[in-house]
Amino acid sequence: MGAFPFQVAATDGKARTGVLATPRGEIRTPAFMPVGTAGTVKALTVEQVADTGADILLGNTYHLMLRPTAERVRRLGGLHRFMRWEKPILTDSGGFQVMSLSKIAKVTEESVTFQSHLDGSRHVLTPERSIEIQADLLGSDIVMQLDELVALPVAEDRAAEAMRRSARWGQRSKNAFGERDSQDLFGIQQGGLSEPLRRESAERLIEIGFDGYALGGLAVGEGHQAMCEVLDFAPALLPAERPRYLMGVGKPIDIVEAVFRGVDMFDCVLPTRSGRHGQAWTWEGSVNLKNARFADDDSPLDPASHVSASRDYSKAYLHHLVKSGEILGQVLLSWHNLAFFQALMAELRAAISQGRLEGFRRSFVARQARGSETSA
């Protein structure tokens, strides 16, 4: 049992809805975590993020350890105080960014040595150092083990090597984390697209014992269909009594399909990244506000939304802001997109509670497909 109680309130097929209770507030699942990469959800205040209905944010170990440094954040009171977010924070381990952003990264059994993408300075990240940064310096509520990520497609022997190293690093992460009553530690399942490797990974993690379990190594080039095929079996390999977190996912359709297959938690930069580039996500698919067809459209993105960005500004005005390069356009679309993602999670929770998830899923997939075809 983890430090934070996890109570499943209802199930519908493989899907479930519940609550992960933390001292800083309840996390309603299925949950979407906005990404606060460098101590901020880009373009938004914490009040705006809270207004969307978010229960938890994700912070990024790699970026914060490089700037302003985790030690500085600690001296300034920890990440919650530093960014003025009073609800829970989950931090990633830094491993993904080390592999994807650093100029040079060398992996050994002991550590990852890398050069900063900012100034080329040399850094070493070990499982123990990652835990120290997340749990002790940043003060996150949910801490992730350091793992080794490999992009897909990948040879099975390489996927197996990374998975087994990740399991060994998981044990080292657990040893460094110890037993805490105010923080959770999540292990990360690896294994690429292979069911035997995913099973072995899950067995190794369960033997170590974590407070929650993530599905790693997906949304890294395999495509939607291959991801769904892995999710057909991978979540069920993890303990049903603890939260299951699909890292780095994703598009609304990916989230719906993953929830249908038993996943509880998600994060992705997509809502705010899309917003900064003029794209809005809606119940009828994605909308490209750069398109001239919106120049005279006086309707809002979502008149039923409780969020001002979605309800009170016309598509014509948003089109104007985007075409003019005005910062307000990026703010409003990022705000709207996060609100839509949170509304989607609320609808998924309700559908599971009421035993109608399959119907919601079919309708949502059809609406997204039709809408995106006509709104691009």
Protein backbone atom coordinates (compact mmCIF):
# COMPACT_ATOMS: atom_id res chain seq x y z
CA MET A 1 0.00 0.00 0.00
CA GLY A 2 1.39 3.39 -0.96
CA ALA A 3 1.69 6.45 1.21
CA PHE A 4 -1.35 7.82 -0.59
CA PRO A 5 -4.55 5.75 -0.46
CA PHE A 6 -5.97 4.86 -3.89
CA GLN A 7 -9.65 4.01 -3.94
CA VAL A 8 -11.36 2.70 -7.08
CA ALA A 9 -14.97 3.88 -6.94
CA ALA A 10 -16.34 2.25 -10.11
CA THR A 11 -15.26 0.12 -13.04
CA ASP A 12 -16.59 -0.36 -16.57
CA GLY A 13 -14.81 -3.18 -18.35
CA LYS A 14 -11.10 -2.59 -17.84
CA ALA A 15 -11.63 1.12 -17.14
CA ARG A 16 -11.89 2.46 -13.63
CA THR A 17 -12.49 5.75 -11.87
CA GLY A 18 -11.35 6.61 -8.39
CA VAL A 19 -9.35 8.92 -6.16
CA LEU A 20 -5.68 9.08 -5.19
CA ALA A 21 -5.72 10.95 -1.87
CA THR A 22 -2.69 13.12 -1.02
CA PRO A 23 -2.09 15.64 1.79
CA ARG A 24 -2.24 18.42 -0.81
CA GLY A 25 -5.56 17.31 -2.25
CA GLU A 26 -7.41 14.52 -4.01
CA ILE A 27 -6.47 13.45 -7.54
CA ARG A 28 -9.57 12.27 -9.37
CA THR A 29 -8.84 9.49 -11.83
CA PRO A 30 -8.68 9.16 -14.76
CA ALA A 31 -6.54 12.29 -14.42
CA PHE A 32 -4.68 14.50 -16.88
CA MET A 33 -1.61 16.33 -15.57
CA PRO A 34 -0.69 19.60 -17.32
CA VAL A 35 3.05 19.81 -17.90
CA GLY A 36 4.88 22.53 -15.98
CA THR A 37 8.26 21.91 -17.57
CA ALA A 38 10.35 24.65 -15.94
CA GLY A 39 8.11 25.47 -13.00
CA THR A 40 5.38 26.91 -15.20
CA VAL A 41 2.62 25.63 -17.47
CA LYS A 42 3.61 27.69 -20.49
CA ALA A 43 1.67 30.95 -20.99
CA LEU A 44 -0.63 30.41 -17.99
CA THR A 45 -0.81 31.42 -14.35
CA VAL A 46 -1.40 28.76 -11.73
CA GLU A 47 -4.83 30.32 -11.15
CA GLN A 48 -5.75 29.74 -14.79
CA VAL A 49 -4.48 26.17 -14.63
CA ALA A 50 -6.51 25.49 -11.48
CA ASP A 51 -9.54 27.05 -13.15
CA THR A 52 -9.45 24.32 -15.81
CA GLY A 53 -10.04 21.68 -13.12
CA ALA A 54 -6.52 20.22 -12.89
CA ASP A 55 -5.86 18.33 -9.65
CA ILE A 56 -2.11 17.82 -10.21
CA LEU A 57 0.77 19.19 -12.31
CA LEU A 58 3.90 17.58 -13.70
CA GLY A 59 7.30 19.18 -13.11
CA ASN A 60 10.46 18.36 -15.04
CA THR A 61 13.58 17.24 -13.19
CA TYR A 62 15.98 17.73 -16.11
CA HIS A 63 15.04 21.34 -16.80
CA LEU A 64 14.82 22.37 -13.15
CA MET A 65 18.14 20.76 -12.20
CA LEU A 66 19.85 22.78 -14.93
CA ARG A 67 17.97 26.04 -14.36
CA PRO A 68 17.46 27.48 -11.79
CA THR A 69 18.95 24.31 -10.16
CA ALA A 70 17.18 22.05 -7.72
CA GLU A 71 19.28 23.37 -4.86
CA ARG A 72 18.05 26.91 -5.52
CA VAL A 73 14.44 25.75 -5.65
CA ARG A 74 14.99 24.06 -2.30
CA ARG A 75 16.46 27.21 -0.75
CA LEU A 76 13.41 29.12 -1.98
CA GLY A 77 11.00 26.75 -0.25
CA GLY A 78 10.51 23.88 -2.70
CA LEU A 79 8.73 23.67 -6.02
CA HIS A 80 5.19 24.18 -4.68
CA ARG A 81 6.10 27.46 -3.02
CA PHE A 82 8.41 28.53 -5.84
CA MET A 83 5.67 28.33 -8.48
CA ARG A 84 2.72 29.01 -6.14
CA TRP A 85 0.94 25.72 -6.85
CA GLU A 86 -0.62 24.30 -3.69
CA LYS A 87 -1.99 21.06 -5.16
CA PRO A 88 0.02 17.88 -5.81
CA ILE A 89 3.00 17.78 -8.16
CA LEU A 90 4.45 14.73 -9.91
CA THR A 91 8.01 15.06 -11.19
CA ASP A 92 9.52 12.93 -13.93
CA SER A 93 12.95 11.44 -13.39
CA GLY A 94 14.80 13.44 -16.03
CA GLY A 95 15.69 10.37 -18.07
CA PHE A 96 13.54 11.17 -21.11
CA GLN A 97 15.01 14.65 -21.53
CA VAL A 98 18.56 13.39 -20.99
CA MET A 99 18.04 11.05 -23.95
CA SER A 100 16.15 13.48 -26.16
CA LEU A 101 17.59 16.93 -25.43
CA SER A 102 21.16 16.65 -24.19
CA LYS A 103 23.96 17.19 -26.69
CA ILE A 104 25.75 14.00 -25.64
CA ALA A 105 24.41 11.26 -23.35
CA LYS A 106 26.39 8.20 -22.25
CA VAL A 107 24.60 5.45 -20.37
CA THR A 108 26.43 3.03 -18.10
CA GLU A 109 25.15 0.73 -15.40
CA GLU A 110 26.04 3.34 -12.82
CA SER A 111 24.65 6.52 -14.35
CA VAL A 112 23.85 8.73 -17.31
CA THR A 113 26.47 11.35 -18.14
CA PHE A 114 25.25 14.17 -20.35
CA GLN A 115 25.91 17.66 -21.61
CA SER A 116 23.34 20.37 -20.98
CA HIS A 117 21.45 21.57 -24.04
CA LEU A 118 21.73 25.08 -22.53
CA ASP A 119 25.48 25.58 -22.20
CA GLY A 120 27.20 22.26 -22.80
CA SER A 121 28.08 21.80 -19.12
CA ARG A 122 28.63 18.21 -17.98
CA HIS A 123 26.27 16.51 -15.55
CA VAL A 124 25.83 13.04 -14.08
CA LEU A 125 22.41 11.62 -13.22
CA THR A 126 22.10 8.45 -11.18
CA PRO A 127 18.97 6.81 -9.79
CA GLU A 128 19.97 8.10 -6.36
CA ARG A 129 20.57 11.67 -7.55
CA SER A 130 17.23 11.71 -9.39
CA ILE A 131 15.45 10.70 -6.18
CA GLU A 132 17.35 13.33 -4.19
CA ILE A 133 16.38 16.07 -6.67
CA GLN A 134 12.72 15.10 -6.85
CA ALA A 135 11.94 14.09 -3.27
CA ASP A 136 14.32 16.17 -1.17
CA LEU A 137 15.10 19.30 -3.19
CA LEU A 138 12.00 19.93 -5.31
CA GLY A 139 9.68 18.31 -2.77
CA SER A 140 7.38 16.61 -5.27
CA ASP A 141 4.46 14.52 -4.07
CA ILE A 142 4.89 11.73 -6.62
CA VAL A 143 8.45 10.76 -7.54
CA MET A 144 9.42 8.70 -10.59
CA GLN A 145 12.25 6.18 -10.69
CA LEU A 146 15.06 6.84 -13.18
CA ASP A 147 14.72 4.54 -16.18
CA GLU A 148 16.42 4.04 -19.54
CA LEU A 149 14.22 4.98 -22.48
CA VAL A 150 14.76 3.74 -26.02
CA ALA A 151 12.80 5.12 -28.95
CA LEU A 152 10.77 2.81 -31.16
CA PRO A 153 11.25 0.91 -33.39
CA VAL A 154 13.97 -0.95 -31.55
CA ALA A 155 15.46 -4.44 -31.68
CA GLU A 156 14.08 -6.74 -28.99
CA ASP A 157 17.49 -7.42 -27.47
CA ARG A 158 18.06 -3.67 -27.04
CA ALA A 159 14.58 -3.25 -25.53
CA ALA A 160 15.35 -6.12 -23.15
CA GLU A 161 18.68 -4.57 -22.12
CA ALA A 162 17.04 -1.20 -21.37
CA MET A 163 14.15 -2.84 -19.53
CA ARG A 164 16.43 -4.86 -17.25
CA ARG A 165 18.64 -1.88 -16.54
CA SER A 166 15.52 0.13 -15.74
CA ALA A 167 14.46 -2.57 -13.28
CA ARG A 168 17.87 -2.49 -11.59
CA TRP A 169 17.68 1.29 -11.45
CA GLY A 170 14.19 0.89 -10.02
CA GLN A 171 15.64 -1.07 -7.10
CA ARG A 172 18.29 1.59 -6.57
CA SER A 173 15.61 4.28 -6.72
CA LYS A 174 13.55 2.43 -4.13
CA ASN A 175 16.57 2.03 -1.85
CA ALA A 176 17.32 5.76 -2.09
CA PHE A 177 13.67 6.71 -1.54
CA GLY A 178 13.22 4.46 1.49
CA GLU A 179 9.91 4.56 3.33
CA ARG A 180 8.05 7.89 3.37
CA ASP A 181 4.57 8.74 4.56
CA SER A 182 4.10 11.98 2.59
CA GLN A 183 5.40 11.03 -0.86
CA ASP A 184 4.80 8.23 -3.36
CA LEU A 185 7.38 6.52 -5.60
CA PHE A 186 6.30 5.12 -8.97
CA GLY A 187 8.15 2.42 -10.89
CA ILE A 188 8.22 2.40 -14.70
CA GLN A 189 7.39 -0.60 -16.85
CA GLN A 190 9.49 -0.92 -20.00
CA GLY A 191 9.82 -3.53 -22.74
CA GLY A 192 8.94 -1.85 -26.00
CA LEU A 193 6.14 -3.57 -27.91
CA SER A 194 6.96 -7.04 -26.54
CA GLU A 195 4.44 -8.73 -24.25
CA PRO A 196 7.03 -11.09 -22.71
CA LEU A 197 9.34 -8.16 -21.92
CA ARG A 198 6.50 -6.07 -20.51
CA ARG A 199 5.49 -9.03 -18.34
CA GLU A 200 9.04 -9.53 -17.09
CA SER A 201 9.32 -5.81 -16.35
CA ALA A 202 6.08 -5.82 -14.38
CA GLU A 203 7.15 -8.85 -12.37
CA ARG A 204 10.47 -7.22 -11.48
CA LEU A 205 8.78 -3.98 -10.43
CA ILE A 206 6.15 -5.74 -8.34
CA GLU A 207 8.87 -7.69 -6.55
CA ILE A 208 10.58 -4.38 -5.66
CA GLY A 209 7.26 -2.83 -4.60
CA PHE A 210 6.19 0.65 -5.67
CA ASP A 211 3.37 2.99 -4.70
CA GLY A 212 2.23 3.30 -8.31
CA TYR A 213 3.27 2.02 -11.72
CA ALA A 214 3.87 3.82 -15.00
CA LEU A 215 3.87 2.50 -18.54
CA GLY A 216 6.98 3.92 -20.16
CA GLY A 217 8.46 3.68 -23.63
CA LEU A 218 5.25 4.47 -25.51
CA ALA A 219 4.34 7.51 -27.62
CA VAL A 220 7.95 7.44 -28.82
CA GLY A 221 7.41 6.61 -32.49
CA GLU A 222 5.30 3.45 -32.54
CA GLY A 223 2.04 5.02 -33.73
CA HIS A 224 -1.50 4.94 -32.33
CA GLN A 225 -2.42 1.39 -33.37
CA ALA A 226 0.76 -0.19 -32.02
CA MET A 227 0.34 1.73 -28.76
CA CYS A 228 -3.22 0.43 -28.38
CA GLU A 229 -2.04 -3.12 -29.04
CA VAL A 230 0.45 -2.83 -26.18
CA LEU A 231 -2.21 -1.30 -23.94
CA ASP A 232 -4.44 -4.29 -24.66
CA PHE A 233 -2.20 -6.31 -22.32
CA ALA A 234 0.33 -4.08 -20.51
CA PRO A 235 -1.84 -2.28 -17.90
CA ALA A 236 -3.33 -5.56 -16.69
CA LEU A 237 0.18 -6.80 -15.84
CA LEU A 238 0.42 -4.08 -13.17
CA PRO A 239 -1.24 -4.20 -9.73
CA ALA A 240 -4.93 -3.32 -9.88
CA GLU A 241 -4.84 -1.76 -6.41
CA ARG A 242 -2.36 0.98 -7.39
CA PRO A 243 -2.52 3.82 -9.97
CA ARG A 244 -1.38 3.17 -13.54
CA TYR A 245 0.21 6.09 -15.36
CA LEU A 246 0.81 6.27 -19.13
CA MET A 247 3.69 8.68 -19.59
CA GLY A 248 3.70 11.36 -22.29
CA VAL A 249 0.25 10.61 -23.74
CA GLY A 250 -1.29 12.34 -25.52
CA LYS A 251 -3.92 13.18 -28.03
CA PRO A 252 -7.55 13.04 -26.83
CA ILE A 253 -8.20 9.88 -28.84
CA ASP A 254 -5.10 8.24 -27.27
CA ILE A 255 -6.35 9.10 -23.79
CA VAL A 256 -9.84 7.70 -24.41
CA GLU A 257 -8.43 4.44 -25.78
CA ALA A 258 -5.97 4.14 -22.88
CA VAL A 259 -8.67 4.76 -20.26
CA PHE A 260 -10.78 2.10 -21.99
CA ARG A 261 -7.84 -0.29 -21.42
CA GLY A 262 -7.34 0.48 -17.73
CA VAL A 263 -5.00 3.50 -17.46
CA ASP A 264 -5.57 6.08 -14.69
CA MET A 265 -3.13 8.96 -15.22
CA PHE A 266 -1.71 10.93 -18.16
CA ASP A 267 0.52 13.87 -18.99
CA CYS A 268 1.43 15.60 -22.22
CA VAL A 269 2.68 18.95 -23.52
CA LEU A 270 0.16 18.75 -26.38
CA PRO A 271 -2.57 21.10 -25.06
CA THR A 272 -0.25 24.05 -24.49
CA ARG A 273 2.06 23.31 -27.41
CA SER A 274 -0.93 23.15 -29.75
CA GLY A 275 -2.29 26.37 -28.28
CA ARG A 276 0.96 28.20 -28.95
CA HIS A 277 0.69 27.16 -32.60
CA GLY A 278 -2.91 28.15 -33.20
CA GLN A 279 -4.60 24.78 -32.73
CA ALA A 280 -7.62 24.22 -30.50
CA TRP A 281 -8.96 20.86 -29.35
CA THR A 282 -12.74 20.54 -29.20
CA TRP A 283 -15.45 17.90 -28.92
CA GLU A 284 -15.69 18.01 -32.71
CA GLY A 285 -12.01 17.49 -33.36
CA SER A 286 -9.03 19.82 -33.68
CA VAL A 287 -9.44 23.32 -35.06
CA ASN A 288 -6.71 25.28 -36.85
CA LEU A 289 -7.40 28.92 -35.99
CA LYS A 290 -4.95 30.06 -38.67
CA ASN A 291 -7.49 28.99 -41.27
CA ALA A 292 -9.14 31.90 -43.10
CA ARG A 293 -12.54 30.22 -42.74
CA PHE A 294 -12.65 31.49 -39.14
CA ALA A 295 -12.02 35.16 -39.96
CA ASP A 296 -15.76 36.00 -39.69
CA ASP A 297 -16.85 33.21 -37.30
CA ASP A 298 -18.45 34.91 -34.31
CA SER A 299 -19.01 31.68 -32.35
CA PRO A 300 -16.84 30.65 -29.37
CA LEU A 301 -14.89 27.42 -29.17
CA ASP A 302 -17.20 26.02 -26.48
CA PRO A 303 -20.21 28.05 -25.31
CA ALA A 304 -20.93 25.50 -22.56
CA SER A 305 -17.49 25.76 -20.95
CA HIS A 306 -17.02 27.39 -17.55
CA VAL A 307 -13.66 28.76 -18.72
CA SER A 308 -13.61 32.26 -20.15
CA ALA A 309 -11.13 31.46 -22.91
CA SER A 310 -13.45 28.81 -24.33
CA ARG A 311 -16.74 30.65 -23.82
CA ASP A 312 -16.21 34.40 -24.18
CA TYR A 313 -13.98 34.87 -27.22
CA SER A 314 -15.04 34.32 -30.81
CA LYS A 315 -13.15 32.19 -33.27
CA ALA A 316 -12.83 35.32 -35.41
CA TYR A 317 -11.01 37.13 -32.59
CA LEU A 318 -8.80 34.12 -31.88
CA HIS A 319 -8.02 33.88 -35.61
CA HIS A 320 -7.04 37.55 -35.59
CA LEU A 321 -4.78 37.08 -32.56
CA VAL A 322 -3.07 34.05 -34.06
CA LYS A 323 -2.54 35.66 -37.47
CA SER A 324 -1.23 38.83 -35.81
CA GLY A 325 1.21 36.93 -33.63
CA GLU A 326 -0.33 38.36 -30.48
CA ILE A 327 0.70 36.67 -27.23
CA LEU A 328 -2.90 36.73 -25.99
CA GLY A 329 -3.83 34.22 -28.69
CA GLN A 330 -1.33 31.72 -27.28
CA VAL A 331 -2.62 32.33 -23.75
CA LEU A 332 -6.28 31.89 -24.63
CA LEU A 333 -5.79 28.79 -26.77
CA SER A 334 -3.53 27.14 -24.19
CA TRP A 335 -6.10 27.90 -21.50
CA HIS A 336 -8.93 26.56 -23.65
CA ASN A 337 -7.05 23.39 -24.56
CA LEU A 338 -6.26 22.54 -20.95
CA ALA A 339 -9.90 23.17 -20.06
CA PHE A 340 -11.00 20.81 -22.83
CA PHE A 341 -8.64 18.07 -21.66
CA GLN A 342 -9.95 18.41 -18.10
CA ALA A 343 -13.55 18.37 -19.36
CA LEU A 344 -12.73 15.19 -21.29
CA MET A 345 -11.40 13.57 -18.11
CA ALA A 346 -14.55 14.58 -16.23
CA GLU A 347 -16.72 13.04 -18.96
CA LEU A 348 -14.66 9.84 -18.85
CA ARG A 349 -15.04 9.62 -15.07
CA ALA A 350 -18.80 10.11 -15.39
CA ALA A 351 -19.11 7.57 -18.22
CA ILE A 352 -17.26 4.92 -16.20
CA SER A 353 -19.34 5.63 -13.09
CA GLN A 354 -22.55 5.27 -15.09
CA GLY A 355 -21.47 2.18 -17.05
CA ARG A 356 -21.65 3.85 -20.47
CA LEU A 357 -17.99 4.13 -21.44
CA GLU A 358 -18.28 2.01 -24.59
CA GLY A 359 -20.99 4.27 -26.01
CA PHE A 360 -19.06 7.40 -25.08
CA ARG A 361 -15.94 6.00 -26.69
CA ARG A 362 -17.66 5.18 -29.98
CA SER A 363 -19.34 8.57 -30.15
CA PHE A 364 -16.17 10.45 -29.25
CA VAL A 365 -14.04 8.66 -31.85
CA ALA A 366 -16.62 9.35 -34.56
CA ARG A 367 -17.01 13.03 -33.65
CA GLN A 368 -13.27 13.59 -33.51
CA ALA A 369 -12.78 11.98 -36.94
CA ARG A 370 -15.58 13.96 -38.59
CA GLY A 371 -14.65 17.23 -36.99
CA SER A 372 -10.94 17.08 -37.72
CA GLU A 373 -11.67 16.35 -41.38
CA THR A 374 -13.70 19.53 -41.73
CA SER A 375 -11.88 21.90 -39.33
CA ALA A 376 -8.25 21.62 -40.43
